[in-house]
PDB file of N, CA and C in Angstrom:
ATOM      1  N   MET A   1       0.836  -1.184   0.000  1.00  0.00           N
ATOM      2  CA  MET A   1       0.000   0.000   0.000  1.00  0.00           C
ATOM      3  C   MET A   1       0.879   1.245   0.000  1.00  0.00           C
ATOM      4  N   LYS A   2       0.564   2.210  -0.846  1.00  0.00           N
ATOM      5  CA  LYS A   2       1.359   3.429  -0.947  1.00  0.00           C
ATOM      6  C   LYS A   2       1.014   4.384   0.184  1.00  0.00           C
ATOM      7  N   ASP A   3       2.053   5.103   0.618  1.00  0.00           N
ATOM      8  CA  ASP A   3       1.879   6.078   1.681  1.00  0.00           C
ATOM      9  C   ASP A   3       1.178   7.318   1.115  1.00  0.00           C
ATOM     10  N   ALA A   4       0.098   7.746   1.710  1.00  0.00           N
ATOM     11  CA  ALA A   4      -0.680   8.882   1.232  1.00  0.00           C
ATOM     12  C   ALA A   4       0.100  10.190   1.355  1.00  0.00           C
ATOM     13  N   SER A   5       1.082  10.262   2.271  1.00  0.00           N
ATOM     14  CA  SER A   5       1.835  11.498   2.450  1.00  0.00           C
ATOM     15  C   SER A   5       2.808  11.756   1.298  1.00  0.00           C
ATOM     16  N   LEU A   6       3.088  10.757   0.467  1.00  0.00           N
ATOM     17  CA  LEU A   6       3.989  10.925  -0.661  1.00  0.00           C
ATOM     18  C   LEU A   6       3.295  11.497  -1.885  1.00  0.00           C
ATOM     19  N   LYS A   7       1.991  11.554  -1.840  1.00  0.00           N
ATOM     20  CA  LYS A   7       1.255  12.087  -2.987  1.00  0.00           C
ATOM     21  C   LYS A   7       1.404  13.606  -3.051  1.00  0.00           C
ATOM     22  N   LYS A   8       1.481  14.099  -4.252  1.00  0.00           N
ATOM     23  CA  LYS A   8       1.586  15.529  -4.484  1.00  0.00           C
ATOM     24  C   LYS A   8       0.223  16.167  -4.217  1.00  0.00           C
ATOM     25  N   PRO A   9       0.200  17.269  -3.459  1.00  0.00           N
ATOM     26  CA  PRO A   9      -1.088  17.914  -3.199  1.00  0.00           C
ATOM     27  C   PRO A   9      -1.633  18.510  -4.491  1.00  0.00           C
ATOM     28  N   PRO A  10      -2.943  18.580  -4.616  1.00  0.00           N
ATOM     29  CA  PRO A  10      -3.521  19.154  -5.841  1.00  0.00           C
ATOM     30  C   PRO A  10      -3.111  20.615  -5.992  1.00  0.00           C
ATOM     31  N   SER A  11      -2.815  21.027  -7.227  1.00  0.00           N
ATOM     32  CA  SER A  11      -2.389  22.405  -7.462  1.00  0.00           C
ATOM     33  C   SER A  11      -3.597  23.335  -7.369  1.00  0.00           C
ATOM     34  N   LYS A  12      -3.314  24.535  -6.901  1.00  0.00           N
ATOM     35  CA  LYS A  12      -4.360  25.556  -6.801  1.00  0.00           C
ATOM     36  C   LYS A  12      -4.251  26.425  -8.033  1.00  0.00           C
ATOM     37  N   ARG A  13      -5.268  26.442  -8.831  1.00  0.00           N
ATOM     38  CA  ARG A  13      -5.271  27.203 -10.084  1.00  0.00           C
ATOM     39  C   ARG A  13      -6.164  28.428  -9.946  1.00  0.00           C
ATOM     40  N   THR A  14      -5.813  29.458 -10.705  1.00  0.00           N
ATOM     41  CA  THR A  14      -6.649  30.664 -10.721  1.00  0.00           C
ATOM     42  C   THR A  14      -7.794  30.443 -11.702  1.00  0.00           C
ATOM     43  N   ALA A  15      -8.652  31.428 -11.823  1.00  0.00           N
ATOM     44  CA  ALA A  15      -9.793  31.332 -12.732  1.00  0.00           C
ATOM     45  C   ALA A  15      -9.334  31.185 -14.181  1.00  0.00           C
ATOM     46  N   SER A  16      -8.145  31.731 -14.523  1.00  0.00           N
ATOM     47  CA  SER A  16      -7.646  31.633 -15.886  1.00  0.00           C
ATOM     48  C   SER A  16      -6.969  30.298 -16.159  1.00  0.00           C
ATOM     49  N   GLY A  17      -6.813  29.470 -15.134  1.00  0.00           N
ATOM     50  CA  GLY A  17      -6.234  28.152 -15.320  1.00  0.00           C
ATOM     51  C   GLY A  17      -4.741  28.084 -15.059  1.00  0.00           C
ATOM     52  N   THR A  18      -4.138  29.177 -14.579  1.00  0.00           N
ATOM     53  CA  THR A  18      -2.712  29.180 -14.289  1.00  0.00           C
ATOM     54  C   THR A  18      -2.481  29.130 -12.787  1.00  0.00           C
ATOM     55  N   SER A  19      -1.269  28.768 -12.419  1.00  0.00           N
ATOM     56  CA  SER A  19      -0.903  28.740 -11.001  1.00  0.00           C
ATOM     57  C   SER A  19      -0.746  30.164 -10.482  1.00  0.00           C
ATOM     58  N   PRO A  20      -0.961  30.386  -9.191  1.00  0.00           N
ATOM     59  CA  PRO A  20      -0.877  31.737  -8.629  1.00  0.00           C
ATOM     60  C   PRO A  20       0.491  32.393  -8.823  1.00  0.00           C
ATOM     61  N   GLU A  21       1.582  31.622  -8.875  1.00  0.00           N
ATOM     62  CA  GLU A  21       2.905  32.227  -9.044  1.00  0.00           C
ATOM     63  C   GLU A  21       3.102  32.811 -10.442  1.00  0.00           C
ATOM     64  N   TYR A  22       2.201  32.532 -11.363  1.00  0.00           N
ATOM     65  CA  TYR A  22       2.265  33.089 -12.710  1.00  0.00           C
ATOM     66  C   TYR A  22       1.210  34.172 -12.906  1.00  0.00           C
ATOM     67  N   ASP A  23       0.968  34.945 -11.877  1.00  0.00           N
ATOM     68  CA  ASP A  23      -0.031  36.008 -11.944  1.00  0.00           C
ATOM     69  C   ASP A  23       0.597  37.252 -12.549  1.00  0.00           C
ATOM     70  N   PHE A  24       0.212  37.595 -13.770  1.00  0.00           N
ATOM     71  CA  PHE A  24       0.743  38.762 -14.455  1.00  0.00           C
ATOM     72  C   PHE A  24      -0.245  39.924 -14.447  1.00  0.00           C
ATOM     73  N   SER A  25      -1.216  39.897 -13.565  1.00  0.00           N
ATOM     74  CA  SER A  25      -2.246  40.932 -13.568  1.00  0.00           C
ATOM     75  C   SER A  25      -1.682  42.315 -13.264  1.00  0.00           C
ATOM     76  N   GLY A  26      -0.554  42.407 -12.560  1.00  0.00           N
ATOM     77  CA  GLY A  26       0.037  43.702 -12.247  1.00  0.00           C
ATOM     78  C   GLY A  26       1.090  44.130 -13.260  1.00  0.00           C
ATOM     79  N   GLY A  27       1.290  43.342 -14.301  1.00  0.00           N
ATOM     80  CA  GLY A  27       2.307  43.650 -15.300  1.00  0.00           C
ATOM     81  C   GLY A  27       1.889  44.758 -16.249  1.00  0.00           C
ATOM     82  N   ILE A  28       2.885  45.319 -16.909  1.00  0.00           N
ATOM     83  CA  ILE A  28       2.641  46.379 -17.881  1.00  0.00           C
ATOM     84  C   ILE A  28       2.948  45.814 -19.260  1.00  0.00           C
ATOM     85  N   ARG A  29       1.957  45.768 -20.109  1.00  0.00           N
ATOM     86  CA  ARG A  29       2.119  45.200 -21.452  1.00  0.00           C
ATOM     87  C   ARG A  29       3.016  46.091 -22.306  1.00  0.00           C
ATOM     88  N   GLY A  30       4.016  45.487 -22.909  1.00  0.00           N
ATOM     89  CA  GLY A  30       4.907  46.206 -23.816  1.00  0.00           C
ATOM     90  C   GLY A  30       5.931  47.090 -23.130  1.00  0.00           C
ATOM     91  N   LYS A  31       6.195  46.867 -21.861  1.00  0.00           N
ATOM     92  CA  LYS A  31       7.107  47.717 -21.097  1.00  0.00           C
ATOM     93  C   LYS A  31       8.506  47.767 -21.712  1.00  0.00           C
ATOM     94  N   TYR A  32       9.005  46.651 -22.215  1.00  0.00           N
ATOM     95  CA  TYR A  32      10.366  46.578 -22.741  1.00  0.00           C
ATOM     96  C   TYR A  32      10.422  46.413 -24.251  1.00  0.00           C
ATOM     97  N   VAL A  33       9.327  46.595 -24.932  1.00  0.00           N
ATOM     98  CA  VAL A  33       9.281  46.319 -26.369  1.00  0.00           C
ATOM     99  C   VAL A  33      10.211  47.236 -27.158  1.00  0.00           C
ATOM    100  N   ASP A  34      10.320  48.511 -26.810  1.00  0.00           N
ATOM    101  CA  ASP A  34      11.205  49.424 -27.530  1.00  0.00           C
ATOM    102  C   ASP A  34      12.670  49.035 -27.340  1.00  0.00           C
ATOM    103  N   ARG A  35      13.059  48.699 -26.118  1.00  0.00           N
ATOM    104  CA  ARG A  35      14.427  48.275 -25.838  1.00  0.00           C
ATOM    105  C   ARG A  35      14.738  46.971 -26.566  1.00  0.00           C
ATOM    106  N   TYR A  36      13.791  46.075 -26.616  1.00  0.00           N
ATOM    107  CA  TYR A  36      13.968  44.803 -27.311  1.00  0.00           C
ATOM    108  C   TYR A  36      14.179  45.027 -28.810  1.00  0.00           C
ATOM    109  N   ARG A  37      13.385  45.890 -29.388  1.00  0.00           N
ATOM    110  CA  ARG A  37      13.494  46.149 -30.826  1.00  0.00           C
ATOM    111  C   ARG A  37      14.825  46.802 -31.185  1.00  0.00           C
ATOM    112  N   ARG A  38      15.340  47.678 -30.337  1.00  0.00           N
ATOM    113  CA  ARG A  38      16.609  48.342 -30.620  1.00  0.00           C
ATOM    114  C   ARG A  38      17.786  47.392 -30.495  1.00  0.00           C
ATOM    115  N   GLY A  39      17.708  46.436 -29.571  1.00  0.00           N
ATOM    116  CA  GLY A  39      18.871  45.603 -29.274  1.00  0.00           C
ATOM    117  C   GLY A  39      18.799  44.186 -29.770  1.00  0.00           C
ATOM    118  N   THR A  40      17.835  43.847 -30.561  1.00  0.00           N
ATOM    119  CA  THR A  40      17.676  42.468 -31.004  1.00  0.00           C
ATOM    120  C   THR A  40      17.595  42.422 -32.513  1.00  0.00           C
ATOM    121  N   ASN A  41      18.312  41.472 -33.069  1.00  0.00           N
ATOM    122  CA  ASN A  41      18.273  41.269 -34.507  1.00  0.00           C
ATOM    123  C   ASN A  41      18.020  39.782 -34.736  1.00  0.00           C
ATOM    124  N   VAL A  42      16.845  39.434 -35.127  1.00  0.00           N
ATOM    125  CA  VAL A  42      16.469  38.047 -35.329  1.00  0.00           C
ATOM    126  C   VAL A  42      16.595  37.711 -36.809  1.00  0.00           C
ATOM    127  N   VAL A  43      17.306  36.624 -37.082  1.00  0.00           N
ATOM    128  CA  VAL A  43      17.485  36.163 -38.452  1.00  0.00           C
ATOM    129  C   VAL A  43      17.028  34.712 -38.502  1.00  0.00           C
ATOM    130  N   LEU A  44      16.191  34.386 -39.464  1.00  0.00           N
ATOM    131  CA  LEU A  44      15.711  33.016 -39.600  1.00  0.00           C
ATOM    132  C   LEU A  44      16.574  32.269 -40.607  1.00  0.00           C
ATOM    133  N   LEU A  45      17.037  31.083 -40.197  1.00  0.00           N
ATOM    134  CA  LEU A  45      17.833  30.241 -41.077  1.00  0.00           C
ATOM    135  C   LEU A  45      16.930  29.288 -41.826  1.00  0.00           C
ATOM    136  N   ASP A  46      17.319  28.961 -43.035  1.00  0.00           N
ATOM    137  CA  ASP A  46      16.600  27.929 -43.777  1.00  0.00           C
ATOM    138  C   ASP A  46      16.798  26.597 -43.065  1.00  0.00           C
ATOM    139  N   PRO A  47      15.813  25.709 -43.126  1.00  0.00           N
ATOM    140  CA  PRO A  47      15.881  24.451 -42.388  1.00  0.00           C
ATOM    141  C   PRO A  47      17.138  23.625 -42.667  1.00  0.00           C
ATOM    142  N   GLU A  48      17.637  23.650 -43.899  1.00  0.00           N
ATOM    143  CA  GLU A  48      18.817  22.832 -44.198  1.00  0.00           C
ATOM    144  C   GLU A  48      20.091  23.392 -43.563  1.00  0.00           C
ATOM    145  N   LEU A  49      20.069  24.625 -43.099  1.00  0.00           N
ATOM    146  CA  LEU A  49      21.241  25.226 -42.463  1.00  0.00           C
ATOM    147  C   LEU A  49      21.290  24.993 -40.959  1.00  0.00           C
ATOM    148  N   THR A  50      20.201  24.564 -40.368  1.00  0.00           N
ATOM    149  CA  THR A  50      20.166  24.414 -38.914  1.00  0.00           C
ATOM    150  C   THR A  50      21.069  23.301 -38.406  1.00  0.00           C
ATOM    151  N   GLU A  51      21.391  22.321 -39.225  1.00  0.00           N
ATOM    152  CA  GLU A  51      22.332  21.278 -38.790  1.00  0.00           C
ATOM    153  C   GLU A  51      23.743  21.845 -38.683  1.00  0.00           C
ATOM    154  N   ALA A  52      24.137  22.660 -39.647  1.00  0.00           N
ATOM    155  CA  ALA A  52      25.475  23.250 -39.641  1.00  0.00           C
ATOM    156  C   ALA A  52      25.588  24.386 -38.623  1.00  0.00           C
ATOM    157  N   PHE A  53      24.495  25.084 -38.391  1.00  0.00           N
ATOM    158  CA  PHE A  53      24.486  26.229 -37.480  1.00  0.00           C
ATOM    159  C   PHE A  53      23.369  26.063 -36.450  1.00  0.00           C
ATOM    160  N   PRO A  54      23.577  25.233 -35.437  1.00  0.00           N
ATOM    161  CA  PRO A  54      22.501  24.943 -34.489  1.00  0.00           C
ATOM    162  C   PRO A  54      22.241  26.032 -33.452  1.00  0.00           C
ATOM    163  N   ASP A  55      23.164  27.001 -33.315  1.00  0.00           N
ATOM    164  CA  ASP A  55      22.969  28.034 -32.298  1.00  0.00           C
ATOM    165  C   ASP A  55      23.596  29.357 -32.733  1.00  0.00           C
ATOM    166  N   SER A  56      23.395  30.390 -31.943  1.00  0.00           N
ATOM    167  CA  SER A  56      23.893  31.719 -32.276  1.00  0.00           C
ATOM    168  C   SER A  56      25.408  31.754 -32.374  1.00  0.00           C
ATOM    169  N   LYS A  57      26.087  31.041 -31.495  1.00  0.00           N
ATOM    170  CA  LYS A  57      27.547  31.054 -31.501  1.00  0.00           C
ATOM    171  C   LYS A  57      28.103  30.539 -32.820  1.00  0.00           C
ATOM    172  N   SER A  58      27.563  29.453 -33.325  1.00  0.00           N
ATOM    173  CA  SER A  58      28.072  28.896 -34.578  1.00  0.00           C
ATOM    174  C   SER A  58      27.820  29.835 -35.759  1.00  0.00           C
ATOM    175  N   VAL A  59      26.694  30.510 -35.757  1.00  0.00           N
ATOM    176  CA  VAL A  59      26.397  31.475 -36.824  1.00  0.00           C
ATOM    177  C   VAL A  59      27.355  32.660 -36.733  1.00  0.00           C
ATOM    178  N   ASN A  60      27.534  33.194 -35.529  1.00  0.00           N
ATOM    179  CA  ASN A  60      28.422  34.331 -35.349  1.00  0.00           C
ATOM    180  C   ASN A  60      29.864  33.994 -35.701  1.00  0.00           C
ATOM    181  N   ASP A  61      30.344  32.797 -35.308  1.00  0.00           N
ATOM    182  CA  ASP A  61      31.707  32.380 -35.647  1.00  0.00           C
ATOM    183  C   ASP A  61      31.892  32.307 -37.160  1.00  0.00           C
ATOM    184  N   ALA A  62      30.929  31.735 -37.859  1.00  0.00           N
ATOM    185  CA  ALA A  62      31.021  31.613 -39.316  1.00  0.00           C
ATOM    186  C   ALA A  62      31.003  32.980 -39.987  1.00  0.00           C
ATOM    187  N   LEU A  63      30.156  33.876 -39.518  1.00  0.00           N
ATOM    188  CA  LEU A  63      30.091  35.208 -40.109  1.00  0.00           C
ATOM    189  C   LEU A  63      31.359  36.011 -39.839  1.00  0.00           C
ATOM    190  N   ARG A  64      31.944  35.851 -38.646  1.00  0.00           N
ATOM    191  CA  ARG A  64      33.207  36.536 -38.354  1.00  0.00           C
ATOM    192  C   ARG A  64      34.327  36.027 -39.259  1.00  0.00           C
ATOM    193  N   ALA A  65      34.371  34.717 -39.477  1.00  0.00           N
ATOM    194  CA  ALA A  65      35.382  34.142 -40.365  1.00  0.00           C
ATOM    195  C   ALA A  65      35.192  34.656 -41.791  1.00  0.00           C
ATOM    196  N   LEU A  66      33.981  34.707 -42.260  1.00  0.00           N
ATOM    197  CA  LEU A  66      33.697  35.213 -43.596  1.00  0.00           C
ATOM    198  C   LEU A  66      34.080  36.688 -43.724  1.00  0.00           C
ATOM    199  N   LEU A  67      33.781  37.465 -42.707  1.00  0.00           N
ATOM    200  CA  LEU A  67      34.138  38.877 -42.714  1.00  0.00           C
ATOM    201  C   LEU A  67      35.655  39.061 -42.746  1.00  0.00           C
ATOM    202  N   ALA A  68      36.384  38.259 -41.983  1.00  0.00           N
ATOM    203  CA  ALA A  68      37.842  38.340 -41.986  1.00  0.00           C
ATOM    204  C   ALA A  68      38.401  38.014 -43.359  1.00  0.00           C
ATOM    205  N   ILE A  69      37.864  37.014 -44.022  1.00  0.00           N
ATOM    206  CA  ILE A  69      38.311  36.649 -45.374  1.00  0.00           C
ATOM    207  C   ILE A  69      37.987  37.757 -46.354  1.00  0.00           C
ATOM    208  N   ALA A  70      36.800  38.305 -46.248  1.00  0.00           N
ATOM    209  CA  ALA A  70      36.362  39.346 -47.180  1.00  0.00           C
ATOM    210  C   ALA A  70      37.184  40.619 -47.027  1.00  0.00           C
ATOM    211  N   THR A  71      37.560  40.976 -45.825  1.00  0.00           N
ATOM    212  CA  THR A  71      38.319  42.211 -45.615  1.00  0.00           C
ATOM    213  C   THR A  71      39.792  42.034 -45.956  1.00  0.00           C
ATOM    214  N   ARG A  72      40.313  40.811 -45.916  1.00  0.00           N
ATOM    215  CA  ARG A  72      41.713  40.548 -46.296  1.00  0.00           C
ATOM    216  C   ARG A  72      41.886  40.511 -47.804  1.00  0.00           C
ATOM    217  N   ALA A  73      40.866  40.087 -48.501  1.00  0.00           N
ATOM    218  CA  ALA A  73      40.961  39.937 -49.949  1.00  0.00           C
ATOM    219  C   ALA A  73      41.074  41.316 -50.594  1.00  0.00           C
ATOM    220  N   GLU A  74      41.970  41.411 -51.579  1.00  0.00           N
ATOM    221  CA  GLU A  74      42.117  42.661 -52.301  1.00  0.00           C
ATOM    222  C   GLU A  74      41.036  42.747 -53.365  1.00  0.00           C
ATOM    223  N   PRO A  75      40.545  43.949 -53.580  1.00  0.00           N
ATOM    224  CA  PRO A  75      39.527  44.085 -54.635  1.00  0.00           C
ATOM    225  C   PRO A  75      40.112  43.742 -56.002  1.00  0.00           C
ATOM    226  N   ARG A  76      39.357  43.038 -56.796  1.00  0.00           N
ATOM    227  CA  ARG A  76      39.803  42.657 -58.144  1.00  0.00           C
ATOM    228  C   ARG A  76      39.619  43.829 -59.103  1.00  0.00           C
ATOM    229  N   LYS A  77      40.571  43.943 -60.026  1.00  0.00           N
ATOM    230  CA  LYS A  77      40.450  44.959 -61.050  1.00  0.00           C
ATOM    231  C   LYS A  77      39.750  44.340 -62.247  1.00  0.00           C
ATOM    232  N   ARG A  78      38.780  45.032 -62.776  1.00  0.00           N
ATOM    233  CA  ARG A  78      38.073  44.541 -63.959  1.00  0.00           C
ATOM    234  C   ARG A  78      38.881  44.872 -65.198  1.00  0.00           C
ATOM    235  N   SER A  79      38.933  43.935 -66.108  1.00  0.00           N
ATOM    236  CA  SER A  79      39.693  44.190 -67.346  1.00  0.00           C
ATOM    237  C   SER A  79      38.813  44.644 -68.468  1.00  0.00           C
TER     238      SER A  79
END
């Protein structure tokens, strides 16, 4: 027979169906939206690139390497 004291007590939910610790009723909508827009640059990768670049670090490393190559290369003269 299982001990009844080991059972998790039922959670107390609010009328909206969330737990009380997730009460955002006092929050201000859009408080940080301007700061977010100024400091965030979101780029979507094509699905086939996500294996090669699974996170921000790998994308940034690749772009830095490409930039270093591009700035070292001398401009070609057209004939």
